[in-house]
């Protein structure tokens, strides 16, 4: 127990880590690694399902943070790093999927939302995607904290239903029911805004 307290004592606060980035102190990378490596690795693994790829994504995330801070000064470092990691891992996933089919929780979670995802690239389709993202964001804010956690865990972090159930001390069937409820509500919200699914 004492050892755990000492190890937590050695971990810097996010503000201090961000300050290291601002001072261009390379210790920022090692401190980020010490505090967030396991979490970021999990985010990458949920998407690419390959340990060497996850290691590369992790290194690219640290480089991305180094190159982004400054000028950015993130107020929530974990969310900032998650966004960088997701972009890198998703790009790697798309690159690998073109070469061969790889198993991924991202594939499963996105297939559950395929009715809501627009893959278009025209200016009009990009505007539609922007509007849809605003509606989804508003819908998520209307959910309970638990349902928001379930949605974000499944569709943003690509966690398995088993992992979400374990995190919340729920059964898998309860998580699946809540996911179905959330998707149904999202579909109704989009349709009420004139977006047909």
N, C-alpha and C. Protein backbone atom coordinates (compact mmCIF):
# COMPACT_ATOMS: atom_id res chain seq x y z
N UNK A 1 0.83 -1.20 0.00
CA UNK A 1 0.00 0.00 0.00
C UNK A 1 0.87 1.27 0.00
N UNK A 2 1.89 1.26 0.79
CA UNK A 2 2.80 2.41 0.86
C UNK A 2 3.50 2.61 -0.49
N UNK A 3 3.88 1.50 -1.12
CA UNK A 3 4.55 1.60 -2.42
C UNK A 3 3.65 2.25 -3.46
N UNK A 4 2.37 1.91 -3.44
CA UNK A 4 1.44 2.53 -4.39
C UNK A 4 1.37 4.03 -4.18
N UNK A 5 1.32 4.43 -2.92
CA UNK A 5 1.25 5.87 -2.64
C UNK A 5 2.49 6.57 -3.14
N UNK A 6 3.64 5.94 -2.95
CA UNK A 6 4.88 6.55 -3.41
C UNK A 6 4.91 6.65 -4.93
N UNK A 7 4.42 5.60 -5.64
CA UNK A 7 4.46 5.65 -7.10
C UNK A 7 3.50 6.72 -7.64
N UNK A 8 2.35 6.87 -6.97
CA UNK A 8 1.43 7.93 -7.41
C UNK A 8 2.02 9.31 -7.13
N UNK A 9 2.81 9.39 -6.07
CA UNK A 9 3.44 10.66 -5.70
C UNK A 9 4.42 11.11 -6.79
N UNK A 10 5.04 10.15 -7.46
CA UNK A 10 6.03 10.46 -8.48
C UNK A 10 5.42 10.87 -9.81
N UNK A 11 4.11 10.71 -9.96
CA UNK A 11 3.45 11.05 -11.21
C UNK A 11 3.04 12.53 -11.16
N UNK A 12 3.46 13.26 -12.17
CA UNK A 12 3.16 14.70 -12.21
C UNK A 12 1.69 14.96 -12.55
N UNK A 13 1.20 16.10 -12.10
CA UNK A 13 -0.13 16.56 -12.51
C UNK A 13 -0.08 16.94 -13.98
N UNK A 14 -1.23 16.90 -14.62
CA UNK A 14 -1.30 17.25 -16.05
C UNK A 14 -0.78 18.66 -16.32
N UNK A 15 -1.12 19.60 -15.43
CA UNK A 15 -0.65 20.99 -15.64
C UNK A 15 0.87 21.05 -15.67
N UNK A 16 1.50 20.26 -14.81
CA UNK A 16 2.96 20.25 -14.77
C UNK A 16 3.54 19.60 -16.02
N UNK A 17 2.88 18.56 -16.50
CA UNK A 17 3.35 17.90 -17.73
C UNK A 17 3.22 18.86 -18.91
N UNK A 18 2.09 19.54 -19.00
CA UNK A 18 1.89 20.51 -20.09
C UNK A 18 2.95 21.60 -20.00
N UNK A 19 3.26 22.03 -18.80
CA UNK A 19 4.28 23.07 -18.63
C UNK A 19 5.64 22.58 -19.13
N UNK A 20 5.94 21.30 -18.91
CA UNK A 20 7.20 20.74 -19.45
C UNK A 20 7.22 20.82 -20.97
N UNK A 21 6.08 20.52 -21.60
CA UNK A 21 6.00 20.65 -23.07
C UNK A 21 6.26 22.10 -23.46
N UNK A 22 5.65 23.04 -22.74
CA UNK A 22 5.81 24.46 -23.07
C UNK A 22 7.26 24.91 -22.92
N UNK A 23 7.96 24.32 -21.96
CA UNK A 23 9.37 24.66 -21.75
C UNK A 23 10.28 23.90 -22.71
N UNK A 24 9.67 23.04 -23.56
CA UNK A 24 10.40 22.20 -24.53
C UNK A 24 11.37 21.27 -23.80
N UNK A 25 10.93 20.81 -22.63
CA UNK A 25 11.71 19.89 -21.81
C UNK A 25 11.32 18.46 -22.21
N UNK A 26 12.30 17.68 -22.65
CA UNK A 26 12.02 16.33 -23.13
C UNK A 26 11.47 15.41 -22.04
N UNK A 27 11.59 15.82 -20.80
CA UNK A 27 11.00 15.05 -19.70
C UNK A 27 9.47 14.98 -19.85
N UNK A 28 8.91 15.89 -20.63
CA UNK A 28 7.46 15.87 -20.87
C UNK A 28 7.03 14.53 -21.46
N UNK A 29 7.84 14.00 -22.38
CA UNK A 29 7.52 12.72 -23.03
C UNK A 29 7.56 11.59 -22.01
N UNK A 30 8.62 11.53 -21.21
CA UNK A 30 8.73 10.43 -20.23
C UNK A 30 7.64 10.54 -19.17
N UNK A 31 7.29 11.75 -18.78
CA UNK A 31 6.21 11.93 -17.80
C UNK A 31 4.85 11.53 -18.40
N UNK A 32 4.65 11.86 -19.67
CA UNK A 32 3.42 11.46 -20.35
C UNK A 32 3.36 9.94 -20.44
N UNK A 33 4.48 9.34 -20.78
CA UNK A 33 4.56 7.88 -20.88
C UNK A 33 4.28 7.23 -19.53
N UNK A 34 4.87 7.78 -18.48
CA UNK A 34 4.69 7.22 -17.14
C UNK A 34 3.21 7.24 -16.72
N UNK A 35 2.55 8.34 -17.05
CA UNK A 35 1.17 8.52 -16.59
C UNK A 35 0.13 7.89 -17.51
N UNK A 36 0.37 7.93 -18.84
CA UNK A 36 -0.70 7.57 -19.79
C UNK A 36 -0.40 6.39 -20.71
N UNK A 37 0.77 5.79 -20.60
CA UNK A 37 1.14 4.72 -21.54
C UNK A 37 0.11 3.60 -21.60
N UNK A 38 -0.25 3.06 -20.46
CA UNK A 38 -1.18 1.92 -20.42
C UNK A 38 -2.53 2.31 -21.02
N UNK A 39 -3.04 3.46 -20.64
CA UNK A 39 -4.33 3.93 -21.15
C UNK A 39 -4.28 4.13 -22.67
N UNK A 40 -3.26 4.83 -23.16
CA UNK A 40 -3.16 5.11 -24.59
C UNK A 40 -2.93 3.83 -25.39
N UNK A 41 -2.16 2.91 -24.83
CA UNK A 41 -1.93 1.63 -25.50
C UNK A 41 -3.26 0.90 -25.67
N UNK A 42 -4.11 0.94 -24.64
CA UNK A 42 -5.42 0.29 -24.71
C UNK A 42 -6.29 0.93 -25.79
N UNK A 43 -6.27 2.25 -25.86
CA UNK A 43 -7.04 2.94 -26.91
C UNK A 43 -6.58 2.47 -28.29
N UNK A 44 -5.27 2.42 -28.50
CA UNK A 44 -4.74 1.97 -29.79
C UNK A 44 -5.08 0.51 -30.05
N UNK A 45 -4.94 -0.32 -29.04
CA UNK A 45 -5.18 -1.76 -29.23
C UNK A 45 -6.64 -2.04 -29.59
N UNK A 46 -7.55 -1.29 -29.01
CA UNK A 46 -8.97 -1.45 -29.34
C UNK A 46 -9.23 -1.17 -30.82
N UNK A 47 -8.38 -0.40 -31.43
CA UNK A 47 -8.57 -0.03 -32.83
C UNK A 47 -7.76 -0.93 -33.77
N UNK A 48 -6.47 -1.12 -33.48
CA UNK A 48 -5.62 -1.83 -34.44
C UNK A 48 -5.35 -3.29 -34.09
N UNK A 49 -5.53 -3.68 -32.85
CA UNK A 49 -5.34 -5.08 -32.42
C UNK A 49 -4.01 -5.67 -32.83
N UNK A 50 -2.94 -4.90 -32.68
CA UNK A 50 -1.63 -5.39 -33.02
C UNK A 50 -0.61 -4.67 -32.14
N UNK A 51 0.12 -5.43 -31.32
CA UNK A 51 1.03 -4.83 -30.35
C UNK A 51 2.11 -3.97 -30.98
N UNK A 52 2.82 -4.44 -32.03
CA UNK A 52 3.83 -3.55 -32.63
C UNK A 52 3.22 -2.26 -33.20
N UNK A 53 2.03 -2.37 -33.81
CA UNK A 53 1.36 -1.16 -34.30
C UNK A 53 1.00 -0.22 -33.16
N UNK A 54 0.59 -0.79 -32.03
CA UNK A 54 0.25 0.03 -30.87
C UNK A 54 1.47 0.79 -30.36
N UNK A 55 2.62 0.11 -30.34
CA UNK A 55 3.86 0.77 -29.91
C UNK A 55 4.19 1.93 -30.84
N UNK A 56 4.04 1.72 -32.13
CA UNK A 56 4.30 2.81 -33.09
C UNK A 56 3.30 3.95 -32.91
N UNK A 57 2.03 3.59 -32.70
CA UNK A 57 1.00 4.62 -32.47
C UNK A 57 1.33 5.42 -31.21
N UNK A 58 1.81 4.73 -30.19
CA UNK A 58 2.18 5.40 -28.94
C UNK A 58 3.31 6.40 -29.19
N UNK A 59 4.34 5.97 -29.88
CA UNK A 59 5.45 6.88 -30.19
C UNK A 59 4.98 8.06 -31.04
N UNK A 60 4.13 7.79 -32.03
CA UNK A 60 3.60 8.86 -32.88
C UNK A 60 2.73 9.82 -32.07
N UNK A 61 2.04 9.29 -31.08
CA UNK A 61 1.21 10.15 -30.22
C UNK A 61 2.08 11.10 -29.41
N UNK A 62 3.17 10.59 -28.88
CA UNK A 62 4.08 11.45 -28.12
C UNK A 62 4.69 12.53 -29.02
N UNK A 63 5.05 12.14 -30.24
CA UNK A 63 5.58 13.12 -31.19
C UNK A 63 4.50 14.15 -31.53
N UNK A 64 3.27 13.66 -31.72
CA UNK A 64 2.15 14.57 -32.01
C UNK A 64 1.92 15.55 -30.89
N UNK A 65 2.00 15.08 -29.64
CA UNK A 65 1.84 15.98 -28.49
C UNK A 65 2.98 16.99 -28.45
N UNK A 66 4.20 16.51 -28.69
CA UNK A 66 5.38 17.39 -28.68
C UNK A 66 5.25 18.49 -29.73
N UNK A 67 4.74 18.12 -30.90
CA UNK A 67 4.60 19.09 -31.99
C UNK A 67 3.39 20.01 -31.82
N UNK A 68 2.44 19.63 -30.97
CA UNK A 68 1.21 20.41 -30.80
C UNK A 68 1.24 21.32 -29.57
N UNK A 69 2.08 20.98 -28.60
CA UNK A 69 2.17 21.78 -27.37
C UNK A 69 3.56 22.38 -27.31
N UNK A 70 3.77 23.68 -27.37
CA UNK A 70 2.83 24.65 -27.90
C UNK A 70 2.64 24.50 -29.40
N UNK A 71 1.71 25.18 -30.01
CA UNK A 71 0.92 26.31 -29.53
C UNK A 71 -0.29 25.94 -28.68
N UNK A 72 -0.78 24.69 -28.79
CA UNK A 72 -1.94 24.32 -27.96
C UNK A 72 -1.52 24.24 -26.50
N UNK A 73 -2.45 24.56 -25.62
CA UNK A 73 -2.26 24.36 -24.18
C UNK A 73 -3.51 23.64 -23.69
N UNK A 74 -3.51 22.30 -23.79
CA UNK A 74 -4.72 21.55 -23.45
C UNK A 74 -5.09 21.69 -21.98
N UNK A 75 -6.38 21.89 -21.74
CA UNK A 75 -6.84 21.97 -20.35
C UNK A 75 -7.10 20.58 -19.79
N UNK A 76 -7.37 19.60 -20.67
CA UNK A 76 -7.56 18.21 -20.25
C UNK A 76 -6.57 17.37 -21.08
N UNK A 77 -5.42 17.12 -20.52
CA UNK A 77 -4.35 16.44 -21.25
C UNK A 77 -4.77 15.05 -21.71
N UNK A 78 -5.46 14.31 -20.88
CA UNK A 78 -5.88 12.95 -21.25
C UNK A 78 -6.75 12.96 -22.51
N UNK A 79 -7.71 13.87 -22.57
CA UNK A 79 -8.58 13.97 -23.75
C UNK A 79 -7.77 14.40 -24.98
N UNK A 80 -6.84 15.32 -24.78
CA UNK A 80 -5.99 15.80 -25.87
C UNK A 80 -5.17 14.64 -26.45
N UNK A 81 -4.55 13.86 -25.56
CA UNK A 81 -3.75 12.71 -26.00
C UNK A 81 -4.62 11.63 -26.64
N UNK A 82 -5.81 11.42 -26.10
CA UNK A 82 -6.73 10.43 -26.66
C UNK A 82 -7.09 10.80 -28.09
N UNK A 83 -7.36 12.06 -28.34
CA UNK A 83 -7.70 12.52 -29.69
C UNK A 83 -6.55 12.27 -30.66
N UNK A 84 -5.34 12.58 -30.23
CA UNK A 84 -4.18 12.33 -31.09
C UNK A 84 -4.03 10.84 -31.36
N UNK A 85 -4.11 10.04 -30.30
CA UNK A 85 -3.95 8.59 -30.43
C UNK A 85 -5.01 7.99 -31.35
N UNK A 86 -6.26 8.41 -31.17
CA UNK A 86 -7.34 7.86 -32.01
C UNK A 86 -7.09 8.16 -33.49
N UNK A 87 -6.70 9.39 -33.80
CA UNK A 87 -6.45 9.75 -35.20
C UNK A 87 -5.33 8.89 -35.78
N UNK A 88 -4.27 8.73 -35.02
CA UNK A 88 -3.12 7.95 -35.50
C UNK A 88 -3.51 6.48 -35.66
N UNK A 89 -4.19 5.93 -34.67
CA UNK A 89 -4.58 4.52 -34.72
C UNK A 89 -5.60 4.26 -35.83
N UNK A 90 -6.54 5.17 -36.01
CA UNK A 90 -7.54 5.00 -37.08
C UNK A 90 -6.87 5.08 -38.45
N UNK A 91 -5.92 6.00 -38.61
CA UNK A 91 -5.18 6.06 -39.88
C UNK A 91 -4.42 4.77 -40.13
N UNK A 92 -3.79 4.23 -39.09
CA UNK A 92 -3.06 2.97 -39.23
C UNK A 92 -4.03 1.84 -39.55
N UNK A 93 -5.18 1.85 -38.89
CA UNK A 93 -6.21 0.84 -39.14
C UNK A 93 -6.66 0.87 -40.60
N UNK A 94 -6.95 2.06 -41.11
CA UNK A 94 -7.38 2.19 -42.51
C UNK A 94 -6.28 1.75 -43.47
N UNK A 95 -5.05 2.09 -43.14
CA UNK A 95 -3.93 1.68 -43.97
C UNK A 95 -3.80 0.16 -44.00
N UNK A 96 -3.95 -0.48 -42.86
CA UNK A 96 -3.82 -1.94 -42.80
C UNK A 96 -5.02 -2.65 -43.40
N UNK A 97 -6.21 -2.06 -43.24
CA UNK A 97 -7.40 -2.75 -43.75
C UNK A 97 -7.40 -2.78 -45.27
N UNK A 98 -6.73 -1.81 -45.88
CA UNK A 98 -6.61 -1.82 -47.34
C UNK A 98 -5.77 -3.01 -47.78
N UNK A 99 -4.78 -3.38 -46.95
CA UNK A 99 -3.89 -4.48 -47.29
C UNK A 99 -4.51 -5.83 -46.97
N UNK A 100 -5.20 -5.92 -45.85
CA UNK A 100 -5.82 -7.19 -45.46
C UNK A 100 -6.85 -6.94 -44.38
N UNK A 101 -7.73 -7.88 -44.21
CA UNK A 101 -8.75 -7.77 -43.17
C UNK A 101 -8.10 -8.05 -41.82
N UNK A 102 -8.26 -7.13 -40.88
CA UNK A 102 -7.74 -7.36 -39.55
C UNK A 102 -8.88 -7.28 -38.56
N UNK A 103 -8.90 -8.13 -37.54
CA UNK A 103 -9.97 -8.07 -36.55
C UNK A 103 -9.78 -6.84 -35.68
N UNK A 104 -10.86 -6.16 -35.36
CA UNK A 104 -10.75 -4.97 -34.53
C UNK A 104 -12.08 -4.68 -33.87
N UNK A 105 -12.02 -4.26 -32.62
CA UNK A 105 -13.24 -3.86 -31.92
C UNK A 105 -13.80 -2.60 -32.58
N UNK A 106 -12.93 -1.81 -33.24
CA UNK A 106 -13.38 -0.63 -33.96
C UNK A 106 -14.34 -1.04 -35.07
N UNK A 107 -14.02 -2.12 -35.79
CA UNK A 107 -14.89 -2.60 -36.86
C UNK A 107 -16.26 -2.96 -36.31
N UNK A 108 -16.26 -3.67 -35.18
CA UNK A 108 -17.52 -4.10 -34.58
C UNK A 108 -18.32 -2.90 -34.10
N UNK A 109 -17.68 -1.99 -33.36
CA UNK A 109 -18.42 -0.85 -32.82
C UNK A 109 -18.93 0.07 -33.92
N UNK A 110 -18.12 0.27 -34.97
CA UNK A 110 -18.57 1.13 -36.07
C UNK A 110 -19.69 0.48 -36.87
N UNK A 111 -19.69 -0.85 -36.97
CA UNK A 111 -20.77 -1.52 -37.69
C UNK A 111 -22.10 -1.30 -36.97
N UNK A 112 -22.05 -1.12 -35.65
CA UNK A 112 -23.27 -0.85 -34.89
C UNK A 112 -23.81 0.55 -35.19
N UNK A 113 -22.94 1.44 -35.63
CA UNK A 113 -23.35 2.82 -35.93
C UNK A 113 -23.37 3.12 -37.42
N UNK A 114 -23.26 2.09 -38.25
CA UNK A 114 -23.10 2.35 -39.68
C UNK A 114 -24.24 3.17 -40.28
N UNK A 115 -25.44 3.10 -39.70
CA UNK A 115 -26.55 3.88 -40.22
C UNK A 115 -26.36 5.39 -39.98
N UNK A 116 -25.49 5.74 -39.02
CA UNK A 116 -25.32 7.14 -38.66
C UNK A 116 -24.09 7.78 -39.30
N UNK A 117 -23.23 6.98 -39.90
CA UNK A 117 -21.95 7.48 -40.40
C UNK A 117 -22.04 7.78 -41.88
N UNK A 118 -21.69 9.01 -42.24
CA UNK A 118 -21.68 9.43 -43.63
C UNK A 118 -20.23 9.45 -44.09
N UNK A 119 -19.96 8.78 -45.17
CA UNK A 119 -18.59 8.67 -45.66
C UNK A 119 -18.31 9.68 -46.77
N UNK A 120 -19.24 10.59 -47.01
CA UNK A 120 -19.15 11.48 -48.16
C UNK A 120 -18.00 12.45 -48.11
N UNK A 121 -17.64 12.98 -49.27
CA UNK A 121 -16.51 13.88 -49.31
C UNK A 121 -16.82 15.20 -50.01
N UNK A 122 -18.02 15.36 -50.58
CA UNK A 122 -18.35 16.64 -51.21
C UNK A 122 -18.58 17.69 -50.14
N UNK A 123 -18.55 18.95 -50.53
CA UNK A 123 -18.75 20.04 -49.56
C UNK A 123 -20.11 19.91 -48.88
N UNK A 124 -21.12 19.57 -49.65
CA UNK A 124 -22.47 19.41 -49.09
C UNK A 124 -22.49 18.26 -48.08
N UNK A 125 -21.82 17.16 -48.41
CA UNK A 125 -21.79 16.01 -47.51
C UNK A 125 -20.99 16.34 -46.25
N UNK A 126 -19.92 17.14 -46.40
CA UNK A 126 -19.15 17.54 -45.23
C UNK A 126 -19.99 18.43 -44.31
N UNK A 127 -20.79 19.31 -44.89
CA UNK A 127 -21.68 20.14 -44.09
C UNK A 127 -22.69 19.27 -43.35
N UNK A 128 -23.26 18.29 -44.07
CA UNK A 128 -24.19 17.36 -43.43
C UNK A 128 -23.52 16.64 -42.27
N UNK A 129 -22.28 16.21 -42.47
CA UNK A 129 -21.55 15.51 -41.40
C UNK A 129 -21.34 16.44 -40.21
N UNK A 130 -21.03 17.71 -40.46
CA UNK A 130 -20.85 18.67 -39.39
C UNK A 130 -22.16 18.86 -38.60
N UNK A 131 -23.26 18.99 -39.32
CA UNK A 131 -24.56 19.17 -38.67
C UNK A 131 -24.91 17.94 -37.84
N UNK A 132 -24.69 16.76 -38.42
CA UNK A 132 -24.97 15.52 -37.70
C UNK A 132 -24.12 15.43 -36.43
N UNK A 133 -22.85 15.82 -36.54
CA UNK A 133 -21.98 15.74 -35.35
C UNK A 133 -22.47 16.67 -34.25
N UNK A 134 -22.99 17.85 -34.63
CA UNK A 134 -23.55 18.78 -33.63
C UNK A 134 -24.79 18.18 -32.96
N UNK A 135 -25.64 17.53 -33.75
CA UNK A 135 -26.85 16.90 -33.20
C UNK A 135 -26.47 15.77 -32.25
N UNK A 136 -25.49 14.95 -32.68
CA UNK A 136 -25.05 13.83 -31.84
C UNK A 136 -24.46 14.37 -30.54
N UNK A 137 -23.66 15.42 -30.63
CA UNK A 137 -23.07 16.01 -29.43
C UNK A 137 -24.15 16.50 -28.47
N UNK A 138 -25.17 17.18 -29.00
CA UNK A 138 -26.28 17.63 -28.16
C UNK A 138 -27.03 16.47 -27.54
N UNK A 139 -27.23 15.43 -28.33
CA UNK A 139 -27.92 14.23 -27.81
C UNK A 139 -27.12 13.61 -26.67
N UNK A 140 -25.81 13.51 -26.85
CA UNK A 140 -24.98 12.91 -25.80
C UNK A 140 -25.05 13.71 -24.50
N UNK A 141 -25.09 15.04 -24.62
CA UNK A 141 -25.19 15.87 -23.42
C UNK A 141 -26.52 15.64 -22.69
N UNK A 142 -27.54 15.18 -23.41
CA UNK A 142 -28.84 14.95 -22.78
C UNK A 142 -28.90 13.60 -22.05
N UNK A 143 -27.92 12.73 -22.28
CA UNK A 143 -27.92 11.41 -21.65
C UNK A 143 -27.44 11.48 -20.21
N UNK A 144 -27.77 10.45 -19.45
CA UNK A 144 -27.23 10.34 -18.10
C UNK A 144 -25.73 10.14 -18.19
N UNK A 145 -25.04 10.39 -17.09
CA UNK A 145 -23.59 10.23 -17.08
C UNK A 145 -23.20 8.80 -17.43
N UNK A 146 -23.95 7.82 -16.91
CA UNK A 146 -23.65 6.42 -17.18
C UNK A 146 -23.82 6.09 -18.66
N UNK A 147 -24.91 6.55 -19.27
CA UNK A 147 -25.13 6.26 -20.70
C UNK A 147 -24.13 6.99 -21.59
N UNK A 148 -23.72 8.19 -21.17
CA UNK A 148 -22.67 8.90 -21.91
C UNK A 148 -21.37 8.10 -21.85
N UNK A 149 -21.07 7.58 -20.66
CA UNK A 149 -19.86 6.77 -20.49
C UNK A 149 -19.94 5.52 -21.37
N UNK A 150 -21.08 4.86 -21.39
CA UNK A 150 -21.25 3.65 -22.20
C UNK A 150 -21.06 3.99 -23.68
N UNK A 151 -21.69 5.07 -24.15
CA UNK A 151 -21.58 5.46 -25.56
C UNK A 151 -20.14 5.78 -25.93
N UNK A 152 -19.50 6.63 -25.12
CA UNK A 152 -18.14 7.05 -25.43
C UNK A 152 -17.16 5.87 -25.33
N UNK A 153 -17.36 5.01 -24.36
CA UNK A 153 -16.49 3.84 -24.22
C UNK A 153 -16.60 2.94 -25.44
N UNK A 154 -17.82 2.76 -25.92
CA UNK A 154 -18.04 1.84 -27.04
C UNK A 154 -17.63 2.47 -28.37
N UNK A 155 -18.08 3.70 -28.62
CA UNK A 155 -17.93 4.26 -29.96
C UNK A 155 -16.77 5.24 -30.11
N UNK A 156 -16.23 5.74 -29.02
CA UNK A 156 -15.06 6.62 -29.13
C UNK A 156 -13.78 5.86 -28.81
N UNK A 157 -13.82 5.08 -27.71
CA UNK A 157 -12.64 4.32 -27.31
C UNK A 157 -12.64 2.90 -27.85
N UNK A 158 -13.75 2.47 -28.45
CA UNK A 158 -13.88 1.13 -29.05
C UNK A 158 -13.65 0.02 -28.03
N UNK A 159 -14.09 0.25 -26.80
CA UNK A 159 -13.99 -0.79 -25.78
C UNK A 159 -15.02 -1.88 -26.05
N UNK A 160 -14.72 -3.10 -25.61
CA UNK A 160 -15.66 -4.21 -25.76
C UNK A 160 -16.81 -4.04 -24.78
N UNK A 161 -17.92 -4.69 -25.08
CA UNK A 161 -19.06 -4.68 -24.17
C UNK A 161 -18.64 -5.28 -22.83
N UNK A 162 -17.83 -6.35 -22.87
CA UNK A 162 -17.35 -6.97 -21.62
C UNK A 162 -16.58 -5.98 -20.77
N UNK A 163 -15.71 -5.18 -21.39
CA UNK A 163 -14.90 -4.20 -20.65
C UNK A 163 -15.80 -3.12 -20.03
N UNK A 164 -16.77 -2.64 -20.80
CA UNK A 164 -17.68 -1.61 -20.28
C UNK A 164 -18.48 -2.17 -19.11
N UNK A 165 -18.98 -3.39 -19.28
CA UNK A 165 -19.76 -4.03 -18.21
C UNK A 165 -18.90 -4.17 -16.95
N UNK A 166 -17.66 -4.59 -17.13
CA UNK A 166 -16.75 -4.73 -15.99
C UNK A 166 -16.48 -3.38 -15.33
N UNK A 167 -16.22 -2.35 -16.12
CA UNK A 167 -15.95 -1.01 -15.59
C UNK A 167 -17.11 -0.49 -14.74
N UNK A 168 -18.33 -0.79 -15.18
CA UNK A 168 -19.52 -0.24 -14.51
C UNK A 168 -20.18 -1.24 -13.57
N UNK A 169 -19.56 -2.43 -13.45
CA UNK A 169 -20.13 -3.48 -12.60
C UNK A 169 -21.57 -3.82 -13.02
N UNK A 170 -21.74 -3.98 -14.33
CA UNK A 170 -23.03 -4.33 -14.92
C UNK A 170 -22.89 -5.65 -15.67
N UNK A 171 -24.01 -6.24 -16.02
CA UNK A 171 -23.97 -7.42 -16.88
C UNK A 171 -23.81 -6.97 -18.33
N UNK A 172 -23.29 -7.86 -19.16
CA UNK A 172 -23.14 -7.55 -20.59
C UNK A 172 -24.50 -7.29 -21.23
N UNK A 173 -25.51 -8.05 -20.80
CA UNK A 173 -26.84 -7.86 -21.39
C UNK A 173 -27.39 -6.47 -21.04
N UNK A 174 -27.09 -5.98 -19.85
CA UNK A 174 -27.53 -4.62 -19.48
C UNK A 174 -26.85 -3.58 -20.37
N UNK A 175 -25.55 -3.75 -20.58
CA UNK A 175 -24.81 -2.81 -21.44
C UNK A 175 -25.36 -2.87 -22.86
N UNK A 176 -25.59 -4.07 -23.38
CA UNK A 176 -26.16 -4.21 -24.74
C UNK A 176 -27.53 -3.56 -24.84
N UNK A 177 -28.36 -3.73 -23.81
CA UNK A 177 -29.70 -3.09 -23.82
C UNK A 177 -29.57 -1.58 -23.82
N UNK A 178 -28.64 -1.07 -23.00
CA UNK A 178 -28.47 0.38 -22.93
C UNK A 178 -27.90 0.93 -24.24
N UNK A 179 -26.98 0.19 -24.86
CA UNK A 179 -26.47 0.61 -26.16
C UNK A 179 -27.59 0.65 -27.20
N UNK A 180 -28.46 -0.36 -27.19
CA UNK A 180 -29.59 -0.39 -28.14
C UNK A 180 -30.52 0.80 -27.86
N UNK A 181 -30.77 1.09 -26.58
CA UNK A 181 -31.61 2.21 -26.19
C UNK A 181 -31.00 3.54 -26.66
N UNK A 182 -29.70 3.68 -26.47
CA UNK A 182 -29.00 4.91 -26.87
C UNK A 182 -29.05 5.07 -28.39
N UNK A 183 -28.78 4.00 -29.13
CA UNK A 183 -28.82 4.08 -30.60
C UNK A 183 -30.23 4.43 -31.08
N UNK A 184 -31.24 3.82 -30.47
CA UNK A 184 -32.64 4.10 -30.84
C UNK A 184 -32.95 5.58 -30.59
N UNK A 185 -32.54 6.08 -29.42
CA UNK A 185 -32.77 7.49 -29.10
C UNK A 185 -32.03 8.42 -30.05
N UNK A 186 -30.81 8.04 -30.42
CA UNK A 186 -30.03 8.83 -31.36
C UNK A 186 -30.71 8.86 -32.73
N UNK A 187 -31.19 7.72 -33.16
CA UNK A 187 -31.89 7.65 -34.45
C UNK A 187 -33.13 8.55 -34.43
N UNK A 188 -33.90 8.48 -33.34
CA UNK A 188 -35.10 9.31 -33.22
C UNK A 188 -34.74 10.79 -33.21
N UNK A 189 -33.65 11.14 -32.52
CA UNK A 189 -33.21 12.54 -32.46
C UNK A 189 -32.82 13.04 -33.85
N UNK A 190 -32.04 12.23 -34.58
CA UNK A 190 -31.63 12.63 -35.93
C UNK A 190 -32.84 12.78 -36.85
N UNK A 191 -33.78 11.84 -36.75
CA UNK A 191 -34.97 11.92 -37.59
C UNK A 191 -35.83 13.13 -37.24
N UNK A 192 -35.88 13.48 -35.94
CA UNK A 192 -36.67 14.65 -35.53
C UNK A 192 -36.04 15.95 -36.04
N UNK A 193 -34.74 15.90 -36.35
CA UNK A 193 -34.03 17.05 -36.91
C UNK A 193 -34.04 17.04 -38.44
N UNK A 194 -34.79 16.10 -39.01
CA UNK A 194 -34.94 16.06 -40.47
C UNK A 194 -33.85 15.27 -41.17
N UNK A 195 -33.09 14.48 -40.42
CA UNK A 195 -32.05 13.66 -41.04
C UNK A 195 -32.57 12.23 -41.09
N UNK A 196 -32.78 11.74 -42.29
CA UNK A 196 -33.32 10.40 -42.42
C UNK A 196 -32.20 9.37 -42.41
N UNK A 197 -32.46 8.31 -41.72
CA UNK A 197 -31.46 7.23 -41.56
C UNK A 197 -31.92 6.03 -42.38
